[in-house]
Amino acid sequence: MLAILLFEDLVIALVLGFAATGGGALSSTLSTVAKAIAFIAASLAAARWLSRILDRILDRLPREFFLLFTVGLLVGMAALAKELGLSEAIGALMAGVVLAETTVREEIEERFFSFRDLFAALFFFVFGLSIDVGALGRLGWLLALAVPLTILGKTAAGYFAGIVGGFTRRQSFNAGVALIAHGEFTIILAQLASENVRLSDAVQDDLTAFAGLYVLATATCGIVLMKESKWLARHVFPPPRLALEE
């Protein structure tokens, strides 16, 4: 599951790089994709080869400057990504990848957990206020199509990944079901798409409303299915029965 989520983070970085430009001509699209790949590659190289240097720097800094350096790296990489024509989210994401390779990552997590919870709550609260619940009438058919496809797709992907990894069928099924509730990147992509000036106001509103309702539905279904995944696995994959000799 962690490997799949990490792979999703890397893929979403490319998607964010493309979504930030809102599409366009083939040359500009290829240029954006190339810059996104180069930015991600440089960040991964920094995480691999500069982790010891960052360790020495962070170990020698006083605690106040330790926090300032961490925030500065995060904001700096987000600003660099924006300067390259990418999304700030891709810069923040790769800054986390770089810091995750340091030996002080646990201290960083401990000190920034409160900030994460605060800003995450504000993010979802503000996004929730922007959801038009009345749009359920005109977007209900799309949700009725997208939610079952998502549940089936994520469950199947996790199941086959588990089988390839050598897990049992039940374990693979449980891993696939556990991935259903993860849909936070959908909100970020919807916000980026809603800022595209090429889209009409009605389409932008529908994108925001659909993303909110979609994440709410998949998260609710995912939590319920994950809680009952063992019960479901026993019924989907019953244990083999020994044949009785006559």
Protein backbone atom coordinates (compact mmCIF):
# COMPACT_ATOMS: atom_id res chain seq x y z
CA MET A 1 0.00 0.00 0.00
CA LEU A 2 2.78 2.42 0.87
CA ALA A 3 4.55 1.61 -2.39
CA ILE A 4 1.38 2.30 -4.39
CA LEU A 5 0.76 5.58 -2.56
CA LEU A 6 4.36 6.66 -3.17
CA PHE A 7 3.99 5.84 -6.87
CA GLU A 8 0.77 7.89 -6.93
CA ASP A 9 2.65 10.84 -5.42
CA LEU A 10 5.25 10.70 -8.18
CA VAL A 11 2.64 10.39 -10.92
CA ILE A 12 0.51 13.19 -9.49
CA ALA A 13 3.55 15.44 -9.59
CA LEU A 14 3.59 15.08 -13.38
CA VAL A 15 -0.16 15.59 -13.56
CA LEU A 16 0.04 18.73 -11.44
CA GLY A 17 2.74 20.08 -13.69
CA PHE A 18 0.47 19.64 -16.71
CA ALA A 19 -2.73 20.80 -15.00
CA ALA A 20 -1.15 24.06 -13.86
CA THR A 21 -0.82 25.21 -17.49
CA GLY A 22 -4.40 24.37 -18.39
CA GLY A 23 -3.36 22.55 -21.55
CA GLY A 24 -2.63 24.39 -24.78
CA ALA A 25 -0.57 23.80 -27.89
CA LEU A 26 1.42 20.61 -28.28
CA SER A 27 4.76 22.43 -27.97
CA SER A 28 3.79 24.14 -24.71
CA THR A 29 2.39 20.89 -23.32
CA LEU A 30 5.56 18.98 -24.12
CA SER A 31 7.62 21.81 -22.64
CA THR A 32 5.59 21.66 -19.42
CA VAL A 33 5.93 17.88 -19.18
CA ALA A 34 9.68 18.13 -19.79
CA LYS A 35 10.06 20.76 -17.07
CA ALA A 36 8.00 18.68 -14.66
CA ILE A 37 10.12 15.57 -15.33
CA ALA A 38 13.34 17.58 -14.94
CA PHE A 39 12.13 19.17 -11.69
CA ILE A 40 11.11 15.80 -10.24
CA ALA A 41 14.37 14.16 -11.35
CA ALA A 42 16.43 16.98 -9.80
CA SER A 43 14.45 16.71 -6.55
CA LEU A 44 14.92 12.94 -6.38
CA ALA A 45 18.64 13.38 -7.08
CA ALA A 46 18.87 15.96 -4.29
CA ALA A 47 17.06 13.59 -1.94
CA ARG A 48 19.51 10.83 -2.84
CA TRP A 49 22.83 12.69 -2.95
CA LEU A 50 22.36 15.76 -0.75
CA SER A 51 20.69 14.13 2.25
CA ARG A 52 23.96 13.99 4.24
CA ILE A 53 24.68 17.64 3.58
CA LEU A 54 21.17 18.57 4.71
CA ASP A 55 21.66 16.43 7.81
CA ARG A 56 24.81 18.31 8.78
CA ILE A 57 23.15 21.68 8.15
CA LEU A 58 20.01 20.85 10.11
CA ASP A 59 21.96 19.31 13.01
CA ARG A 60 24.05 22.44 13.51
CA LEU A 61 21.19 24.93 13.32
CA PRO A 62 19.46 26.21 16.47
CA ARG A 63 15.87 25.03 16.79
CA GLU A 64 14.43 28.38 15.63
CA PHE A 65 16.58 28.39 12.49
CA PHE A 66 15.84 24.70 12.03
CA LEU A 67 12.16 25.53 11.65
CA LEU A 68 12.87 28.54 9.46
CA PHE A 69 15.12 26.50 7.18
CA THR A 70 12.45 23.83 6.79
CA VAL A 71 9.75 26.37 5.98
CA GLY A 72 12.14 28.24 3.68
CA LEU A 73 12.96 25.07 1.73
CA LEU A 74 9.27 24.29 1.36
CA VAL A 75 8.32 27.78 0.22
CA GLY A 76 11.42 28.10 -1.95
CA MET A 77 10.77 24.90 -3.88
CA ALA A 78 7.12 25.87 -4.31
CA ALA A 79 8.20 29.28 -5.66
CA LEU A 80 10.75 27.65 -7.97
CA ALA A 81 8.06 25.34 -9.35
CA LYS A 82 5.78 28.30 -9.99
CA GLU A 83 8.61 30.19 -11.68
CA LEU A 84 9.05 27.23 -14.03
CA GLY A 85 5.38 27.39 -14.93
CA LEU A 86 4.41 24.42 -12.77
CA SER A 87 2.06 24.18 -9.82
CA GLU A 88 3.23 25.23 -6.37
CA ALA A 89 1.87 21.89 -5.15
CA ILE A 90 4.51 19.97 -7.08
CA GLY A 91 7.24 22.04 -5.41
CA ALA A 92 5.81 21.45 -1.93
CA LEU A 93 5.41 17.75 -2.68
CA MET A 94 9.02 17.31 -3.79
CA ALA A 95 10.28 19.36 -0.84
CA GLY A 96 8.67 16.73 1.38
CA VAL A 97 10.42 14.00 -0.62
CA VAL A 98 13.80 15.69 -0.09
CA LEU A 99 13.28 16.19 3.65
CA ALA A 100 11.99 12.63 4.06
CA GLU A 101 15.48 11.31 3.25
CA THR A 102 17.13 13.16 6.15
CA THR A 103 17.73 11.67 9.58
CA VAL A 104 15.74 14.49 11.23
CA ARG A 105 12.52 13.70 9.38
CA GLU A 106 10.89 12.42 12.58
CA GLU A 107 11.63 15.70 14.35
CA ILE A 108 10.29 17.63 11.37
CA GLU A 109 7.11 15.58 11.45
CA GLU A 110 6.70 16.09 15.17
CA ARG A 111 7.19 19.85 15.01
CA PHE A 112 4.98 20.38 11.95
CA PHE A 113 2.14 17.98 12.76
CA SER A 114 0.13 20.79 14.36
CA PHE A 115 0.61 23.00 11.30
CA ARG A 116 -0.40 20.15 9.03
CA ASP A 117 -3.59 19.46 10.95
CA LEU A 118 -4.48 23.15 11.13
CA PHE A 119 -3.96 23.93 7.45
CA ALA A 120 -5.52 20.63 6.35
CA ALA A 121 -8.64 21.46 8.36
CA LEU A 122 -8.76 24.97 6.88
CA PHE A 123 -8.21 23.59 3.37
CA PHE A 124 -11.06 21.11 3.54
CA PHE A 125 -13.32 23.59 5.36
CA VAL A 126 -12.85 26.28 2.72
CA PHE A 127 -13.24 23.77 -0.08
CA GLY A 128 -16.37 22.38 1.56
CA LEU A 129 -17.92 25.84 1.63
CA SER A 130 -17.39 26.11 -2.13
CA ILE A 131 -19.36 22.92 -2.85
CA ASP A 132 -22.78 23.47 -4.35
CA VAL A 133 -24.87 20.67 -2.89
CA GLY A 134 -27.65 21.62 -5.28
CA ALA A 135 -25.42 20.44 -8.12
CA LEU A 136 -26.12 16.85 -7.06
CA GLY A 137 -29.23 16.90 -9.23
CA ARG A 138 -27.36 17.58 -12.46
CA LEU A 139 -24.17 15.73 -11.51
CA GLY A 140 -25.78 12.70 -9.90
CA TRP A 141 -25.49 10.57 -13.03
CA LEU A 142 -21.78 11.33 -13.27
CA LEU A 143 -21.22 10.46 -9.61
CA ALA A 144 -23.24 7.25 -10.05
CA LEU A 145 -20.82 6.30 -12.81
CA ALA A 146 -17.54 7.56 -11.31
CA VAL A 147 -17.87 6.22 -7.75
CA PRO A 148 -18.49 2.52 -8.66
CA LEU A 149 -15.75 2.66 -11.30
CA THR A 150 -13.35 4.10 -8.73
CA ILE A 151 -14.19 1.44 -6.17
CA LEU A 152 -13.77 -1.35 -8.70
CA GLY A 153 -10.64 0.16 -10.23
CA LYS A 154 -8.79 0.76 -6.97
CA THR A 155 -9.79 -2.59 -5.53
CA ALA A 156 -8.68 -4.40 -8.69
CA ALA A 157 -5.40 -2.46 -8.89
CA GLY A 158 -4.55 -3.19 -5.27
CA TYR A 159 -5.57 -6.83 -5.65
CA PHE A 160 -3.41 -7.51 -8.70
CA ALA A 161 -0.49 -5.56 -7.18
CA GLY A 162 -0.75 -7.74 -4.08
CA ILE A 163 -0.87 -10.94 -6.13
CA VAL A 164 2.25 -9.87 -8.03
CA GLY A 165 3.89 -9.06 -4.69
CA GLY A 166 3.28 -12.58 -3.42
CA PHE A 167 0.39 -11.92 -1.01
CA THR A 168 -2.64 -14.12 -0.62
CA ARG A 169 -5.88 -13.30 -2.37
CA ARG A 170 -7.50 -12.07 0.83
CA GLN A 171 -4.52 -9.89 1.75
CA SER A 172 -4.44 -8.44 -1.76
CA PHE A 173 -8.16 -7.72 -1.61
CA ASN A 174 -7.80 -5.97 1.77
CA ALA A 175 -4.99 -3.80 0.40
CA GLY A 176 -7.06 -2.80 -2.63
CA VAL A 177 -10.07 -1.87 -0.50
CA ALA A 178 -7.88 0.22 1.81
CA LEU A 179 -6.87 2.42 -1.14
CA ILE A 180 -10.43 3.49 -1.99
CA ALA A 181 -10.69 6.31 0.55
CA HIS A 182 -7.59 8.17 -0.71
CA GLY A 183 -8.78 11.00 -2.98
CA GLU A 184 -7.29 14.22 -1.65
CA PHE A 185 -5.45 14.92 -4.89
CA THR A 186 -8.80 15.06 -6.68
CA ILE A 187 -9.60 18.26 -4.79
CA ILE A 188 -6.26 19.84 -5.67
CA LEU A 189 -6.67 18.96 -9.35
CA ALA A 190 -10.23 20.30 -9.35
CA GLN A 191 -9.06 23.59 -7.86
CA LEU A 192 -6.36 23.92 -10.50
CA ALA A 193 -8.81 23.06 -13.26
CA SER A 194 -11.40 25.53 -11.95
CA GLU A 195 -8.84 28.33 -12.38
CA ASN A 196 -8.49 27.62 -16.12
CA VAL A 197 -9.69 30.73 -17.93
CA ARG A 198 -10.57 28.64 -20.99
CA LEU A 199 -13.45 27.06 -19.08
CA SER A 200 -16.78 28.76 -18.57
CA ASP A 201 -17.97 29.72 -15.09
CA ALA A 202 -20.60 26.98 -15.17
CA VAL A 203 -18.02 24.29 -15.97
CA GLN A 204 -15.67 25.58 -13.26
CA ASP A 205 -18.48 25.41 -10.68
CA ASP A 206 -19.41 21.91 -11.80
CA LEU A 207 -15.79 20.74 -11.49
CA THR A 208 -15.53 22.04 -7.94
CA ALA A 209 -18.89 20.60 -6.93
CA PHE A 210 -18.17 17.23 -8.54
CA ALA A 211 -14.76 16.91 -6.88
CA GLY A 212 -16.18 17.63 -3.44
CA LEU A 213 -19.12 15.24 -3.80
CA TYR A 214 -16.89 12.60 -5.38
CA VAL A 215 -14.30 12.69 -2.58
CA LEU A 216 -17.05 12.66 0.05
CA ALA A 217 -18.71 9.61 -1.54
CA THR A 218 -15.50 7.64 -2.10
CA ALA A 219 -14.16 8.46 1.37
CA THR A 220 -17.41 7.34 3.02
CA CYS A 221 -17.66 4.15 0.97
CA GLY A 222 -13.94 3.49 1.42
CA ILE A 223 -14.09 3.70 5.21
CA VAL A 224 -17.10 1.39 5.40
CA LEU A 225 -15.60 -1.13 2.96
CA MET A 226 -12.20 -1.03 4.69
CA LYS A 227 -13.86 -1.74 8.04
CA GLU A 228 -15.69 -4.73 6.58
CA SER A 229 -12.91 -5.83 4.21
CA LYS A 230 -12.08 -9.01 6.15
CA TRP A 231 -15.74 -10.05 6.19
CA LEU A 232 -16.03 -9.32 2.47
CA ALA A 233 -12.81 -11.21 1.71
CA ARG A 234 -14.09 -14.31 3.49
CA HIS A 235 -17.19 -14.29 1.29
CA VAL A 236 -15.43 -13.38 -1.96
CA PHE A 237 -12.59 -15.86 -1.37
CA PRO A 238 -13.99 -18.67 0.82
CA PRO A 239 -11.45 -21.09 2.29
CA PRO A 240 -11.00 -24.33 0.36
CA ARG A 241 -12.88 -27.32 1.68
CA LEU A 242 -11.39 -30.77 1.96
CA ALA A 243 -13.19 -33.43 -0.03
CA LEU A 244 -14.62 -36.12 2.24
CA GLU A 245 -13.81 -39.67 1.25
CA GLU A 246 -16.80 -41.92 0.88
